[in-house]
Amino acid sequence: FSLGHYRQGYIVARYSEERKEAVLSKLLPPYNMTVAELARQEGISEPTLYTWRNKAKSEGRPRARSQSHIRAMVS
């Protein structure tokens, strides 16, 4: 990633599209991580991950199943 512009007292990190896709892939099988788990592991805020995920979803890219759906399959 690179440090982007300075906004409201914060330096905004900029991530390449390749990095975003690599991170988001961990929401899919075989990892099936939750957004909260992924945020902790990668050091990226949950709101940022939700924004990336929603953008990918709107572009028709694969998305993770809901955690409740996964739990129902396991139970």
C-alpha atoms as a PDB file:
ATOM      1  CA  PHE A   1       0.000   0.000   0.000  1.00  0.00           C
ATOM      2  CA  SER A   2       1.017   3.600  -0.246  1.00  0.00           C
ATOM      3  CA  LEU A   3       0.233   6.569   1.895  1.00  0.00           C
ATOM      4  CA  GLY A   4      -2.369   8.655   0.177  1.00  0.00           C
ATOM      5  CA  HIS A   5      -3.557  12.146   0.871  1.00  0.00           C
ATOM      6  CA  TYR A   6      -3.913  13.866   4.225  1.00  0.00           C
ATOM      7  CA  ARG A   7      -7.545  14.232   5.307  1.00  0.00           C
ATOM      8  CA  GLN A   8      -8.961  15.677   8.524  1.00  0.00           C
ATOM      9  CA  GLY A   9      -5.852  14.965  10.558  1.00  0.00           C
ATOM     10  CA  TYR A  10      -5.364  11.449   9.195  1.00  0.00           C
ATOM     11  CA  ILE A  11      -3.130   9.985   6.532  1.00  0.00           C
ATOM     12  CA  VAL A  12      -5.251   7.825   4.272  1.00  0.00           C
ATOM     13  CA  ALA A  13      -3.678   4.559   3.125  1.00  0.00           C
ATOM     14  CA  ARG A  14      -4.060   3.648  -0.542  1.00  0.00           C
ATOM     15  CA  TYR A  15      -4.224  -0.010  -1.533  1.00  0.00           C
ATOM     16  CA  SER A  16      -3.791  -1.396  -5.038  1.00  0.00           C
ATOM     17  CA  GLU A  17      -6.715  -3.221  -6.636  1.00  0.00           C
ATOM     18  CA  GLU A  18      -4.646  -6.412  -6.532  1.00  0.00           C
ATOM     19  CA  ARG A  19      -4.136  -6.052  -2.773  1.00  0.00           C
ATOM     20  CA  LYS A  20      -7.836  -5.370  -2.210  1.00  0.00           C
ATOM     21  CA  GLU A  21      -8.781  -8.493  -4.175  1.00  0.00           C
ATOM     22  CA  ALA A  22      -6.233 -10.601  -2.284  1.00  0.00           C
ATOM     23  CA  VAL A  23      -7.621  -9.401   1.043  1.00  0.00           C
ATOM     24  CA  LEU A  24     -11.260  -9.872  -0.003  1.00  0.00           C
ATOM     25  CA  SER A  25     -10.529 -13.395  -1.237  1.00  0.00           C
ATOM     26  CA  LYS A  26     -10.120 -14.409   2.406  1.00  0.00           C
ATOM     27  CA  LEU A  27     -13.859 -13.844   2.865  1.00  0.00           C
ATOM     28  CA  LEU A  28     -14.468 -16.674   0.395  1.00  0.00           C
ATOM     29  CA  PRO A  29     -13.833 -20.431   0.642  1.00  0.00           C
ATOM     30  CA  PRO A  30     -11.612 -22.039   1.730  1.00  0.00           C
ATOM     31  CA  TYR A  31     -10.912 -19.327   4.351  1.00  0.00           C
ATOM     32  CA  ASN A  32     -14.457 -18.028   5.005  1.00  0.00           C
ATOM     33  CA  MET A  33     -13.161 -15.386   7.416  1.00  0.00           C
ATOM     34  CA  THR A  34     -15.527 -12.840   8.894  1.00  0.00           C
ATOM     35  CA  VAL A  35     -14.977  -9.149   8.186  1.00  0.00           C
ATOM     36  CA  ALA A  36     -14.062  -8.655  11.864  1.00  0.00           C
ATOM     37  CA  GLU A  37     -11.445 -11.446  11.753  1.00  0.00           C
ATOM     38  CA  LEU A  38     -10.011 -10.158   8.490  1.00  0.00           C
ATOM     39  CA  ALA A  39      -9.846  -6.582   9.798  1.00  0.00           C
ATOM     40  CA  ARG A  40      -7.843  -7.710  12.829  1.00  0.00           C
ATOM     41  CA  GLN A  41      -5.532  -9.918  10.762  1.00  0.00           C
ATOM     42  CA  GLU A  42      -4.817  -7.335   8.059  1.00  0.00           C
ATOM     43  CA  GLY A  43      -4.908  -4.180  10.182  1.00  0.00           C
ATOM     44  CA  ILE A  44      -7.580  -2.666   7.928  1.00  0.00           C
ATOM     45  CA  SER A  45     -10.723  -1.139   9.424  1.00  0.00           C
ATOM     46  CA  GLU A  46     -14.016  -2.992   9.175  1.00  0.00           C
ATOM     47  CA  PRO A  47     -15.734  -0.044   7.431  1.00  0.00           C
ATOM     48  CA  THR A  48     -13.002  -0.075   4.768  1.00  0.00           C
ATOM     49  CA  LEU A  49     -13.452  -3.817   4.204  1.00  0.00           C
ATOM     50  CA  TYR A  50     -17.243  -3.430   3.969  1.00  0.00           C
ATOM     51  CA  THR A  51     -16.753  -0.643   1.414  1.00  0.00           C
ATOM     52  CA  TRP A  52     -14.425  -2.836  -0.672  1.00  0.00           C
ATOM     53  CA  ARG A  53     -16.778  -5.819  -0.375  1.00  0.00           C
ATOM     54  CA  ASN A  54     -19.836  -3.789  -1.383  1.00  0.00           C
ATOM     55  CA  LYS A  55     -18.003  -2.328  -4.378  1.00  0.00           C
ATOM     56  CA  ALA A  56     -16.929  -5.805  -5.498  1.00  0.00           C
ATOM     57  CA  LYS A  57     -20.501  -7.045  -5.041  1.00  0.00           C
ATOM     58  CA  SER A  58     -21.905  -4.165  -7.135  1.00  0.00           C
ATOM     59  CA  GLU A  59     -19.409  -5.066  -9.875  1.00  0.00           C
ATOM     60  CA  GLY A  60     -20.669  -8.660  -9.872  1.00  0.00           C
ATOM     61  CA  ARG A  61     -17.578 -10.249  -8.360  1.00  0.00           C
ATOM     62  CA  PRO A  62     -17.916 -13.298  -6.099  1.00  0.00           C
ATOM     63  CA  ARG A  63     -18.879 -12.607  -2.530  1.00  0.00           C
ATOM     64  CA  ALA A  64     -18.792 -14.466   0.728  1.00  0.00           C
ATOM     65  CA  ARG A  65     -21.869 -16.165   2.049  1.00  0.00           C
ATOM     66  CA  SER A  66     -23.316 -14.707   5.204  1.00  0.00           C
ATOM     67  CA  GLN A  67     -21.902 -16.113   8.406  1.00  0.00           C
ATOM     68  CA  SER A  68     -25.379 -17.258   9.496  1.00  0.00           C
ATOM     69  CA  HIS A  69     -25.640 -19.314   6.289  1.00  0.00           C
ATOM     70  CA  ILE A  70     -22.232 -20.881   6.943  1.00  0.00           C
ATOM     71  CA  ARG A  71     -23.168 -21.683  10.550  1.00  0.00           C
ATOM     72  CA  ALA A  72     -26.392 -23.341   9.371  1.00  0.00           C
ATOM     73  CA  MET A  73     -24.425 -25.531   6.974  1.00  0.00           C
ATOM     74  CA  VAL A  74     -22.031 -26.610   9.735  1.00  0.00           C
ATOM     75  CA  SER A  75     -24.732 -27.301  12.339  1.00  0.00           C
END
